[in-house]
Amino acid sequence: MKGFQVTFFTQQDHCHHHKPLAEWLVRAARDLGIRGATVIAGSEGYGQHRRIHSAHFFELAEQPQEVVLAVSEEEADRLFDLLAREGVHVFYVKSAVEFGMLGEAHQ
């Protein structure tokens, strides 16, 4: 299938509707019928303000996070329409990809 890999970059303390943004994005994708989403925790990074964000042993609030989805063009349109309606402020990368499943499903 042809579509897009969409990756959102955020950090653990960024929220939308009083929920961590990564969690909100995963639930929004599920509610839109998107087949899957993965949250990846990073150890360190920096963004547009060039300030280093990292996961510390006692404080994870600034831990960088990525939310990765593989979506069809129609799913991408629905997702970005929702984000615009919700006023979500988040950096993303959207790349054209081919995706699918290999092998047989395990019982």
PDB file of N, CA and C in Angstrom:
ATOM      1  N   MET A   1       0.855  -1.165   0.000  1.00  0.00           N
ATOM      2  CA  MET A   1       0.000   0.000   0.000  1.00  0.00           C
ATOM      3  C   MET A   1       0.899   1.225   0.000  1.00  0.00           C
ATOM      4  N   LYS A   2       0.511   2.233  -0.730  1.00  0.00           N
ATOM      5  CA  LYS A   2       1.240   3.498  -0.747  1.00  0.00           C
ATOM      6  C   LYS A   2       0.575   4.446   0.253  1.00  0.00           C
ATOM      7  N   GLY A   3       1.398   5.228   0.931  1.00  0.00           N
ATOM      8  CA  GLY A   3       0.874   6.174   1.911  1.00  0.00           C
ATOM      9  C   GLY A   3       1.991   7.005   2.482  1.00  0.00           C
ATOM     10  N   PHE A   4       1.922   7.260   3.776  1.00  0.00           N
ATOM     11  CA  PHE A   4       2.875   8.135   4.440  1.00  0.00           C
ATOM     12  C   PHE A   4       3.294   7.565   5.779  1.00  0.00           C
ATOM     13  N   GLN A   5       4.534   7.825   6.152  1.00  0.00           N
ATOM     14  CA  GLN A   5       4.953   7.656   7.543  1.00  0.00           C
ATOM     15  C   GLN A   5       4.910   9.054   8.135  1.00  0.00           C
ATOM     16  N   VAL A   6       4.127   9.203   9.175  1.00  0.00           N
ATOM     17  CA  VAL A   6       4.018  10.481   9.872  1.00  0.00           C
ATOM     18  C   VAL A   6       4.656  10.311  11.241  1.00  0.00           C
ATOM     19  N   THR A   7       5.611  11.179  11.543  1.00  0.00           N
ATOM     20  CA  THR A   7       6.284  11.146  12.837  1.00  0.00           C
ATOM     21  C   THR A   7       6.093  12.493  13.509  1.00  0.00           C
ATOM     22  N   PHE A   8       5.523  12.474  14.706  1.00  0.00           N
ATOM     23  CA  PHE A   8       5.353  13.683  15.511  1.00  0.00           C
ATOM     24  C   PHE A   8       6.448  13.706  16.571  1.00  0.00           C
ATOM     25  N   PHE A   9       7.034  14.866  16.804  1.00  0.00           N
ATOM     26  CA  PHE A   9       8.096  15.028  17.790  1.00  0.00           C
ATOM     27  C   PHE A   9       7.574  15.913  18.916  1.00  0.00           C
ATOM     28  N   THR A  10       7.612  15.396  20.128  1.00  0.00           N
ATOM     29  CA  THR A  10       7.115  16.133  21.276  1.00  0.00           C
ATOM     30  C   THR A  10       7.972  15.769  22.484  1.00  0.00           C
ATOM     31  N   GLN A  11       7.531  16.145  23.648  1.00  0.00           N
ATOM     32  CA  GLN A  11       8.202  15.694  24.865  1.00  0.00           C
ATOM     33  C   GLN A  11       7.143  15.376  25.897  1.00  0.00           C
ATOM     34  N   GLN A  12       7.522  14.622  26.904  1.00  0.00           N
ATOM     35  CA  GLN A  12       6.566  14.042  27.839  1.00  0.00           C
ATOM     36  C   GLN A  12       5.690  15.082  28.541  1.00  0.00           C
ATOM     37  N   ASP A  13       6.197  16.274  28.790  1.00  0.00           N
ATOM     38  CA  ASP A  13       5.404  17.261  29.522  1.00  0.00           C
ATOM     39  C   ASP A  13       4.524  18.135  28.630  1.00  0.00           C
ATOM     40  N   HIS A  14       4.512  17.921  27.313  1.00  0.00           N
ATOM     41  CA  HIS A  14       3.613  18.671  26.442  1.00  0.00           C
ATOM     42  C   HIS A  14       2.243  18.008  26.469  1.00  0.00           C
ATOM     43  N   CYS A  15       1.218  18.810  26.696  1.00  0.00           N
ATOM     44  CA  CYS A  15      -0.142  18.271  26.873  1.00  0.00           C
ATOM     45  C   CYS A  15      -1.131  18.877  25.904  1.00  0.00           C
ATOM     46  N   HIS A  16      -2.216  18.154  25.699  1.00  0.00           N
ATOM     47  CA  HIS A  16      -3.380  18.634  24.951  1.00  0.00           C
ATOM     48  C   HIS A  16      -4.600  18.085  25.675  1.00  0.00           C
ATOM     49  N   HIS A  17      -5.520  18.952  26.018  1.00  0.00           N
ATOM     50  CA  HIS A  17      -6.699  18.558  26.805  1.00  0.00           C
ATOM     51  C   HIS A  17      -6.299  17.813  28.082  1.00  0.00           C
ATOM     52  N   HIS A  18      -5.292  18.313  28.757  1.00  0.00           N
ATOM     53  CA  HIS A  18      -4.830  17.784  30.049  1.00  0.00           C
ATOM     54  C   HIS A  18      -4.293  16.359  29.978  1.00  0.00           C
ATOM     55  N   LYS A  19      -3.920  15.894  28.776  1.00  0.00           N
ATOM     56  CA  LYS A  19      -3.290  14.582  28.603  1.00  0.00           C
ATOM     57  C   LYS A  19      -1.935  14.808  27.947  1.00  0.00           C
ATOM     58  N   PRO A  20      -0.956  13.951  28.240  1.00  0.00           N
ATOM     59  CA  PRO A  20       0.303  14.058  27.500  1.00  0.00           C
ATOM     60  C   PRO A  20       0.018  13.990  25.997  1.00  0.00           C
ATOM     61  N   LEU A  21       0.668  14.864  25.231  1.00  0.00           N
ATOM     62  CA  LEU A  21       0.372  14.968  23.804  1.00  0.00           C
ATOM     63  C   LEU A  21       0.588  13.648  23.078  1.00  0.00           C
ATOM     64  N   ALA A  22       1.649  12.914  23.404  1.00  0.00           N
ATOM     65  CA  ALA A  22       1.879  11.627  22.739  1.00  0.00           C
ATOM     66  C   ALA A  22       0.711  10.678  22.983  1.00  0.00           C
ATOM     67  N   GLU A  23       0.232  10.632  24.215  1.00  0.00           N
ATOM     68  CA  GLU A  23      -0.923   9.779  24.538  1.00  0.00           C
ATOM     69  C   GLU A  23      -2.161  10.253  23.785  1.00  0.00           C
ATOM     70  N   TRP A  24      -2.388  11.563  23.730  1.00  0.00           N
ATOM     71  CA  TRP A  24      -3.539  12.113  23.023  1.00  0.00           C
ATOM     72  C   TRP A  24      -3.468  11.749  21.539  1.00  0.00           C
ATOM     73  N   LEU A  25      -2.272  11.849  20.933  1.00  0.00           N
ATOM     74  CA  LEU A  25      -2.113  11.518  19.514  1.00  0.00           C
ATOM     75  C   LEU A  25      -2.424  10.046  19.241  1.00  0.00           C
ATOM     76  N   VAL A  26      -1.949   9.157  20.097  1.00  0.00           N
ATOM     77  CA  VAL A  26      -2.212   7.723  19.920  1.00  0.00           C
ATOM     78  C   VAL A  26      -3.716   7.451  20.000  1.00  0.00           C
ATOM     79  N   ARG A  27      -4.384   8.020  20.982  1.00  0.00           N
ATOM     80  CA  ARG A  27      -5.830   7.791  21.126  1.00  0.00           C
ATOM     81  C   ARG A  27      -6.612   8.403  19.964  1.00  0.00           C
ATOM     82  N   ALA A  28      -6.188   9.570  19.501  1.00  0.00           N
ATOM     83  CA  ALA A  28      -6.851  10.203  18.356  1.00  0.00           C
ATOM     84  C   ALA A  28      -6.693   9.325  17.113  1.00  0.00           C
ATOM     85  N   ALA A  29      -5.497   8.786  16.890  1.00  0.00           N
ATOM     86  CA  ALA A  29      -5.266   7.907  15.738  1.00  0.00           C
ATOM     87  C   ALA A  29      -6.149   6.671  15.827  1.00  0.00           C
ATOM     88  N   ARG A  30      -6.226   6.081  17.024  1.00  0.00           N
ATOM     89  CA  ARG A  30      -7.079   4.897  17.207  1.00  0.00           C
ATOM     90  C   ARG A  30      -8.543   5.241  16.920  1.00  0.00           C
ATOM     91  N   ASP A  31      -8.999   6.379  17.437  1.00  0.00           N
ATOM     92  CA  ASP A  31     -10.389   6.787  17.225  1.00  0.00           C
ATOM     93  C   ASP A  31     -10.697   7.064  15.760  1.00  0.00           C
ATOM     94  N   LEU A  32      -9.677   7.441  14.979  1.00  0.00           N
ATOM     95  CA  LEU A  32      -9.856   7.675  13.544  1.00  0.00           C
ATOM     96  C   LEU A  32      -9.785   6.385  12.733  1.00  0.00           C
ATOM     97  N   GLY A  33      -9.513   5.259  13.407  1.00  0.00           N
ATOM     98  CA  GLY A  33      -9.445   3.982  12.714  1.00  0.00           C
ATOM     99  C   GLY A  33      -8.100   3.702  12.079  1.00  0.00           C
ATOM    100  N   ILE A  34      -7.074   4.464  12.449  1.00  0.00           N
ATOM    101  CA  ILE A  34      -5.735   4.221  11.925  1.00  0.00           C
ATOM    102  C   ILE A  34      -5.207   2.940  12.552  1.00  0.00           C
ATOM    103  N   ARG A  35      -4.585   2.082  11.748  1.00  0.00           N
ATOM    104  CA  ARG A  35      -4.250   0.709  12.152  1.00  0.00           C
ATOM    105  C   ARG A  35      -3.205   0.576  13.227  1.00  0.00           C
ATOM    106  N   GLY A  36      -2.399   1.607  13.500  1.00  0.00           N
ATOM    107  CA  GLY A  36      -1.410   1.471  14.564  1.00  0.00           C
ATOM    108  C   GLY A  36      -0.613   2.742  14.770  1.00  0.00           C
ATOM    109  N   ALA A  37      -0.061   2.880  15.955  1.00  0.00           N
ATOM    110  CA  ALA A  37       0.792   4.009  16.306  1.00  0.00           C
ATOM    111  C   ALA A  37       1.789   3.516  17.342  1.00  0.00           C
ATOM    112  N   THR A  38       2.981   4.054  17.300  1.00  0.00           N
ATOM    113  CA  THR A  38       4.018   3.674  18.242  1.00  0.00           C
ATOM    114  C   THR A  38       4.611   4.922  18.867  1.00  0.00           C
ATOM    115  N   VAL A  39       4.754   4.914  20.190  1.00  0.00           N
ATOM    116  CA  VAL A  39       5.429   5.993  20.895  1.00  0.00           C
ATOM    117  C   VAL A  39       6.840   5.515  21.207  1.00  0.00           C
ATOM    118  N   ILE A  40       7.809   6.319  20.831  1.00  0.00           N
ATOM    119  CA  ILE A  40       9.218   6.004  21.069  1.00  0.00           C
ATOM    120  C   ILE A  40       9.781   7.076  21.997  1.00  0.00           C
ATOM    121  N   ALA A  41      10.326   6.652  23.127  1.00  0.00           N
ATOM    122  CA  ALA A  41      10.933   7.579  24.082  1.00  0.00           C
ATOM    123  C   ALA A  41      12.398   7.770  23.720  1.00  0.00           C
ATOM    124  N   GLY A  42      12.820   9.027  23.669  1.00  0.00           N
ATOM    125  CA  GLY A  42      14.209   9.341  23.377  1.00  0.00           C
ATOM    126  C   GLY A  42      14.967   9.681  24.648  1.00  0.00           C
ATOM    127  N   SER A  43      16.269   9.573  24.585  1.00  0.00           N
ATOM    128  CA  SER A  43      17.068   9.913  25.759  1.00  0.00           C
ATOM    129  C   SER A  43      17.464  11.377  25.767  1.00  0.00           C
ATOM    130  N   GLU A  44      17.601  11.986  24.583  1.00  0.00           N
ATOM    131  CA  GLU A  44      18.001  13.390  24.539  1.00  0.00           C
ATOM    132  C   GLU A  44      17.722  13.962  23.160  1.00  0.00           C
ATOM    133  N   GLY A  45      17.461  15.266  23.104  1.00  0.00           N
ATOM    134  CA  GLY A  45      17.248  15.945  21.836  1.00  0.00           C
ATOM    135  C   GLY A  45      17.102  17.435  22.059  1.00  0.00           C
ATOM    136  N   TYR A  46      16.961  18.176  20.959  1.00  0.00           N
ATOM    137  CA  TYR A  46      16.663  19.596  21.069  1.00  0.00           C
ATOM    138  C   TYR A  46      15.750  19.990  19.925  1.00  0.00           C
ATOM    139  N   GLY A  47      15.035  21.097  20.110  1.00  0.00           N
ATOM    140  CA  GLY A  47      14.069  21.546  19.126  1.00  0.00           C
ATOM    141  C   GLY A  47      14.368  22.941  18.630  1.00  0.00           C
ATOM    142  N   GLN A  48      13.323  23.623  18.191  1.00  0.00           N
ATOM    143  CA  GLN A  48      13.474  24.918  17.540  1.00  0.00           C
ATOM    144  C   GLN A  48      14.122  25.978  18.416  1.00  0.00           C
ATOM    145  N   HIS A  49      14.004  25.860  19.722  1.00  0.00           N
ATOM    146  CA  HIS A  49      14.602  26.850  20.622  1.00  0.00           C
ATOM    147  C   HIS A  49      16.029  26.465  21.014  1.00  0.00           C
ATOM    148  N   ARG A  50      16.515  25.327  20.477  1.00  0.00           N
ATOM    149  CA  ARG A  50      17.886  24.856  20.646  1.00  0.00           C
ATOM    150  C   ARG A  50      18.246  24.525  22.092  1.00  0.00           C
ATOM    151  N   ARG A  51      17.234  24.297  22.918  1.00  0.00           N
ATOM    152  CA  ARG A  51      17.442  23.908  24.306  1.00  0.00           C
ATOM    153  C   ARG A  51      17.457  22.387  24.382  1.00  0.00           C
ATOM    154  N   ILE A  52      18.453  21.821  25.069  1.00  0.00           N
ATOM    155  CA  ILE A  52      18.569  20.369  25.202  1.00  0.00           C
ATOM    156  C   ILE A  52      17.471  19.851  26.132  1.00  0.00           C
ATOM    157  N   HIS A  53      16.770  18.814  25.687  1.00  0.00           N
ATOM    158  CA  HIS A  53      15.758  18.127  26.496  1.00  0.00           C
ATOM    159  C   HIS A  53      16.253  16.697  26.685  1.00  0.00           C
ATOM    160  N   SER A  54      16.157  16.206  27.905  1.00  0.00           N
ATOM    161  CA  SER A  54      16.633  14.848  28.141  1.00  0.00           C
ATOM    162  C   SER A  54      15.849  14.188  29.256  1.00  0.00           C
ATOM    163  N   ALA A  55      15.960  12.869  29.298  1.00  0.00           N
ATOM    164  CA  ALA A  55      15.341  12.072  30.361  1.00  0.00           C
ATOM    165  C   ALA A  55      16.357  11.945  31.487  1.00  0.00           C
ATOM    166  N   HIS A  56      15.991  12.400  32.654  1.00  0.00           N
ATOM    167  CA  HIS A  56      16.841  12.278  33.830  1.00  0.00           C
ATOM    168  C   HIS A  56      16.262  11.208  34.743  1.00  0.00           C
ATOM    169  N   PHE A  57      17.078  10.629  35.563  1.00  0.00           N
ATOM    170  CA  PHE A  57      16.642   9.540  36.431  1.00  0.00           C
ATOM    171  C   PHE A  57      15.434   9.926  37.279  1.00  0.00           C
ATOM    172  N   PHE A  58      15.437  11.117  37.866  1.00  0.00           N
ATOM    173  CA  PHE A  58      14.353  11.514  38.764  1.00  0.00           C
ATOM    174  C   PHE A  58      13.276  12.343  38.076  1.00  0.00           C
ATOM    175  N   GLU A  59      13.543  12.854  36.892  1.00  0.00           N
ATOM    176  CA  GLU A  59      12.595  13.757  36.236  1.00  0.00           C
ATOM    177  C   GLU A  59      12.514  13.404  34.751  1.00  0.00           C
ATOM    178  N   LEU A  60      11.368  12.912  34.329  1.00  0.00           N
ATOM    179  CA  LEU A  60      11.188  12.532  32.931  1.00  0.00           C
ATOM    180  C   LEU A  60      10.345  13.536  32.156  1.00  0.00           C
ATOM    181  N   ALA A  61       9.976  14.651  32.771  1.00  0.00           N
ATOM    182  CA  ALA A  61       9.050  15.593  32.140  1.00  0.00           C
ATOM    183  C   ALA A  61       9.542  16.079  30.780  1.00  0.00           C
ATOM    184  N   GLU A  62      10.836  16.268  30.622  1.00  0.00           N
ATOM    185  CA  GLU A  62      11.353  16.793  29.362  1.00  0.00           C
ATOM    186  C   GLU A  62      11.820  15.692  28.413  1.00  0.00           C
ATOM    187  N   GLN A  63      11.504  14.440  28.709  1.00  0.00           N
ATOM    188  CA  GLN A  63      11.948  13.343  27.852  1.00  0.00           C
ATOM    189  C   GLN A  63      11.360  13.495  26.444  1.00  0.00           C
ATOM    190  N   PRO A  64      12.222  13.500  25.417  1.00  0.00           N
ATOM    191  CA  PRO A  64      11.717  13.579  24.046  1.00  0.00           C
ATOM    192  C   PRO A  64      10.906  12.329  23.698  1.00  0.00           C
ATOM    193  N   GLN A  65       9.869  12.527  22.874  1.00  0.00           N
ATOM    194  CA  GLN A  65       9.036  11.416  22.429  1.00  0.00           C
ATOM    195  C   GLN A  65       8.713  11.578  20.954  1.00  0.00           C
ATOM    196  N   GLU A  66       8.613  10.463  20.271  1.00  0.00           N
ATOM    197  CA  GLU A  66       8.149  10.428  18.892  1.00  0.00           C
ATOM    198  C   GLU A  66       6.889   9.565  18.845  1.00  0.00           C
ATOM    199  N   VAL A  67       5.936   9.979  18.038  1.00  0.00           N
ATOM    200  CA  VAL A  67       4.761   9.158  17.755  1.00  0.00           C
ATOM    201  C   VAL A  67       4.818   8.872  16.259  1.00  0.00           C
ATOM    202  N   VAL A  68       4.906   7.584  15.904  1.00  0.00           N
ATOM    203  CA  VAL A  68       5.105   7.172  14.514  1.00  0.00           C
ATOM    204  C   VAL A  68       3.880   6.407  14.028  1.00  0.00           C
ATOM    205  N   LEU A  69       3.396   6.768  12.827  1.00  0.00           N
ATOM    206  CA  LEU A  69       2.246   6.108  12.223  1.00  0.00           C
ATOM    207  C   LEU A  69       2.526   5.863  10.745  1.00  0.00           C
ATOM    208  N   ALA A  70       2.031   4.764  10.203  1.00  0.00           N
ATOM    209  CA  ALA A  70       2.001   4.517   8.765  1.00  0.00           C
ATOM    210  C   ALA A  70       0.542   4.627   8.347  1.00  0.00           C
ATOM    211  N   VAL A  71       0.244   5.558   7.433  1.00  0.00           N
ATOM    212  CA  VAL A  71      -1.149   5.865   7.101  1.00  0.00           C
ATOM    213  C   VAL A  71      -1.343   5.987   5.595  1.00  0.00           C
ATOM    214  N   SER A  72      -2.568   5.721   5.174  1.00  0.00           N
ATOM    215  CA  SER A  72      -2.933   5.968   3.784  1.00  0.00           C
ATOM    216  C   SER A  72      -3.099   7.472   3.580  1.00  0.00           C
ATOM    217  N   GLU A  73      -3.232   7.883   2.348  1.00  0.00           N
ATOM    218  CA  GLU A  73      -3.435   9.311   2.068  1.00  0.00           C
ATOM    219  C   GLU A  73      -4.722   9.814   2.722  1.00  0.00           C
ATOM    220  N   GLU A  74      -5.787   9.002   2.634  1.00  0.00           N
ATOM    221  CA  GLU A  74      -7.076   9.397   3.229  1.00  0.00           C
ATOM    222  C   GLU A  74      -6.963   9.496   4.751  1.00  0.00           C
ATOM    223  N   GLU A  75      -6.261   8.551   5.374  1.00  0.00           N
ATOM    224  CA  GLU A  75      -6.068   8.590   6.824  1.00  0.00           C
ATOM    225  C   GLU A  75      -5.241   9.812   7.229  1.00  0.00           C
ATOM    226  N   ALA A  76      -4.228  10.126   6.446  1.00  0.00           N
ATOM    227  CA  ALA A  76      -3.409  11.310   6.722  1.00  0.00           C
ATOM    228  C   ALA A  76      -4.268  12.571   6.655  1.00  0.00           C
ATOM    229  N   ASP A  77      -5.123  12.661   5.646  1.00  0.00           N
ATOM    230  CA  ASP A  77      -6.004  13.830   5.520  1.00  0.00           C
ATOM    231  C   ASP A  77      -6.913  13.965   6.742  1.00  0.00           C
ATOM    232  N   ARG A  78      -7.509  12.840   7.174  1.00  0.00           N
ATOM    233  CA  ARG A  78      -8.402  12.887   8.342  1.00  0.00           C
ATOM    234  C   ARG A  78      -7.634  13.274   9.600  1.00  0.00           C
ATOM    235  N   LEU A  79      -6.430  12.723   9.757  1.00  0.00           N
ATOM    236  CA  LEU A  79      -5.620  13.025  10.927  1.00  0.00           C
ATOM    237  C   LEU A  79      -5.241  14.503  10.967  1.00  0.00           C
ATOM    238  N   PHE A  80      -4.741  15.043   9.876  1.00  0.00           N
ATOM    239  CA  PHE A  80      -4.327  16.445   9.864  1.00  0.00           C
ATOM    240  C   PHE A  80      -5.515  17.399   9.957  1.00  0.00           C
ATOM    241  N   ASP A  81      -6.669  16.997   9.433  1.00  0.00           N
ATOM    242  CA  ASP A  81      -7.887  17.804   9.631  1.00  0.00           C
ATOM    243  C   ASP A  81      -8.237  17.882  11.117  1.00  0.00           C
ATOM    244  N   LEU A  82      -8.169  16.744  11.812  1.00  0.00           N
ATOM    245  CA  LEU A  82      -8.452  16.724  13.246  1.00  0.00           C
ATOM    246  C   LEU A  82      -7.465  17.600  14.004  1.00  0.00           C
ATOM    247  N   LEU A  83      -6.181  17.473  13.701  1.00  0.00           N
ATOM    248  CA  LEU A  83      -5.163  18.274  14.392  1.00  0.00           C
ATOM    249  C   LEU A  83      -5.399  19.767  14.177  1.00  0.00           C
ATOM    250  N   ALA A  84      -5.802  20.150  12.977  1.00  0.00           N
ATOM    251  CA  ALA A  84      -6.098  21.564  12.701  1.00  0.00           C
ATOM    252  C   ALA A  84      -7.316  22.026  13.499  1.00  0.00           C
ATOM    253  N   ARG A  85      -8.376  21.210  13.516  1.00  0.00           N
ATOM    254  CA  ARG A  85      -9.581  21.574  14.282  1.00  0.00           C
ATOM    255  C   ARG A  85      -9.273  21.699  15.766  1.00  0.00           C
ATOM    256  N   GLU A  86      -8.416  20.814  16.280  1.00  0.00           N
ATOM    257  CA  GLU A  86      -8.070  20.801  17.701  1.00  0.00           C
ATOM    258  C   GLU A  86      -7.039  21.860  18.072  1.00  0.00           C
ATOM    259  N   GLY A  87      -6.411  22.483  17.082  1.00  0.00           N
ATOM    260  CA  GLY A  87      -5.396  23.486  17.356  1.00  0.00           C
ATOM    261  C   GLY A  87      -4.124  22.907  17.972  1.00  0.00           C
ATOM    262  N   VAL A  88      -3.777  21.669  17.595  1.00  0.00           N
ATOM    263  CA  VAL A  88      -2.592  21.009  18.141  1.00  0.00           C
ATOM    264  C   VAL A  88      -1.341  21.663  17.556  1.00  0.00           C
ATOM    265  N   HIS A  89      -0.411  22.017  18.441  1.00  0.00           N
ATOM    266  CA  HIS A  89       0.865  22.618  18.052  1.00  0.00           C
ATOM    267  C   HIS A  89       1.946  21.568  18.240  1.00  0.00           C
ATOM    268  N   VAL A  90       2.447  21.004  17.119  1.00  0.00           N
ATOM    269  CA  VAL A  90       3.442  19.932  17.207  1.00  0.00           C
ATOM    270  C   VAL A  90       4.239  19.888  15.898  1.00  0.00           C
ATOM    271  N   PHE A  91       5.522  19.601  16.008  1.00  0.00           N
ATOM    272  CA  PHE A  91       6.376  19.441  14.834  1.00  0.00           C
ATOM    273  C   PHE A  91       6.181  18.028  14.298  1.00  0.00           C
ATOM    274  N   TYR A  92       6.193  17.880  12.963  1.00  0.00           N
ATOM    275  CA  TYR A  92       6.025  16.560  12.362  1.00  0.00           C
ATOM    276  C   TYR A  92       6.872  16.431  11.108  1.00  0.00           C
ATOM    277  N   VAL A  93       7.087  15.190  10.711  1.00  0.00           N
ATOM    278  CA  VAL A  93       7.691  14.847   9.428  1.00  0.00           C
ATOM    279  C   VAL A  93       6.728  13.885   8.752  1.00  0.00           C
ATOM    280  N   LYS A  94       6.426  14.148   7.482  1.00  0.00           N
ATOM    281  CA  LYS A  94       5.517  13.299   6.711  1.00  0.00           C
ATOM    282  C   LYS A  94       6.259  12.862   5.451  1.00  0.00           C
ATOM    283  N   SER A  95       6.514  11.551   5.336  1.00  0.00           N
ATOM    284  CA  SER A  95       7.290  11.016   4.217  1.00  0.00           C
ATOM    285  C   SER A  95       6.475   9.990   3.452  1.00  0.00           C
ATOM    286  N   ALA A  96       6.577  10.024   2.124  1.00  0.00           N
ATOM    287  CA  ALA A  96       5.899   9.033   1.291  1.00  0.00           C
ATOM    288  C   ALA A  96       6.582   7.676   1.491  1.00  0.00           C
ATOM    289  N   VAL A  97       5.767   6.630   1.706  1.00  0.00           N
ATOM    290  CA  VAL A  97       6.288   5.284   1.932  1.00  0.00           C
ATOM    291  C   VAL A  97       5.376   4.248   1.290  1.00  0.00           C
ATOM    292  N   GLU A  98       5.895   3.038   1.191  1.00  0.00           N
ATOM    293  CA  GLU A  98       5.090   1.871   0.862  1.00  0.00           C
ATOM    294  C   GLU A  98       5.082   1.010   2.113  1.00  0.00           C
ATOM    295  N   PHE A  99       3.908   0.496   2.508  1.00  0.00           N
ATOM    296  CA  PHE A  99       3.832  -0.322   3.715  1.00  0.00           C
ATOM    297  C   PHE A  99       2.860  -1.463   3.523  1.00  0.00           C
ATOM    298  N   GLY A 100       2.997  -2.477   4.362  1.00  0.00           N
ATOM    299  CA  GLY A 100       2.121  -3.640   4.290  1.00  0.00           C
ATOM    300  C   GLY A 100       2.522  -4.670   5.313  1.00  0.00           C
ATOM    301  N   MET A 101       1.947  -5.850   5.215  1.00  0.00           N
ATOM    302  CA  MET A 101       2.220  -6.963   6.130  1.00  0.00           C
ATOM    303  C   MET A 101       2.869  -8.086   5.346  1.00  0.00           C
ATOM    304  N   LEU A 102       3.783  -8.775   5.987  1.00  0.00           N
ATOM    305  CA  LEU A 102       4.415  -9.975   5.420  1.00  0.00           C
ATOM    306  C   LEU A 102       4.068 -11.178   6.292  1.00  0.00           C
ATOM    307  N   GLY A 103       4.054 -12.345   5.707  1.00  0.00           N
ATOM    308  CA  GLY A 103       3.831 -13.565   6.469  1.00  0.00           C
ATOM    309  C   GLY A 103       2.391 -13.737   6.891  1.00  0.00           C
ATOM    310  N   GLU A 104       2.173 -14.858   7.605  1.00  0.00           N
ATOM    311  CA  GLU A 104       0.835 -15.182   8.075  1.00  0.00           C
ATOM    312  C   GLU A 104       0.626 -14.676   9.493  1.00  0.00           C
ATOM    313  N   ALA A 105      -0.594 -14.315   9.812  1.00  0.00           N
ATOM    314  CA  ALA A 105      -0.926 -13.886  11.171  1.00  0.00           C
ATOM    315  C   ALA A 105      -0.857 -15.099  12.101  1.00  0.00           C
ATOM    316  N   HIS A 106      -0.298 -14.915  13.283  1.00  0.00           N
ATOM    317  CA  HIS A 106      -0.234 -15.988  14.280  1.00  0.00           C
ATOM    318  C   HIS A 106      -1.543 -16.044  15.071  1.00  0.00           C
ATOM    319  N   GLN A 107      -1.938 -17.245  15.383  1.00  0.00           N
ATOM    320  CA  GLN A 107      -3.190 -17.416  16.129  1.00  0.00           C
ATOM    321  C   GLN A 107      -3.003 -17.114  17.588  1.00  0.00           C
TER     322      GLN A 107
END
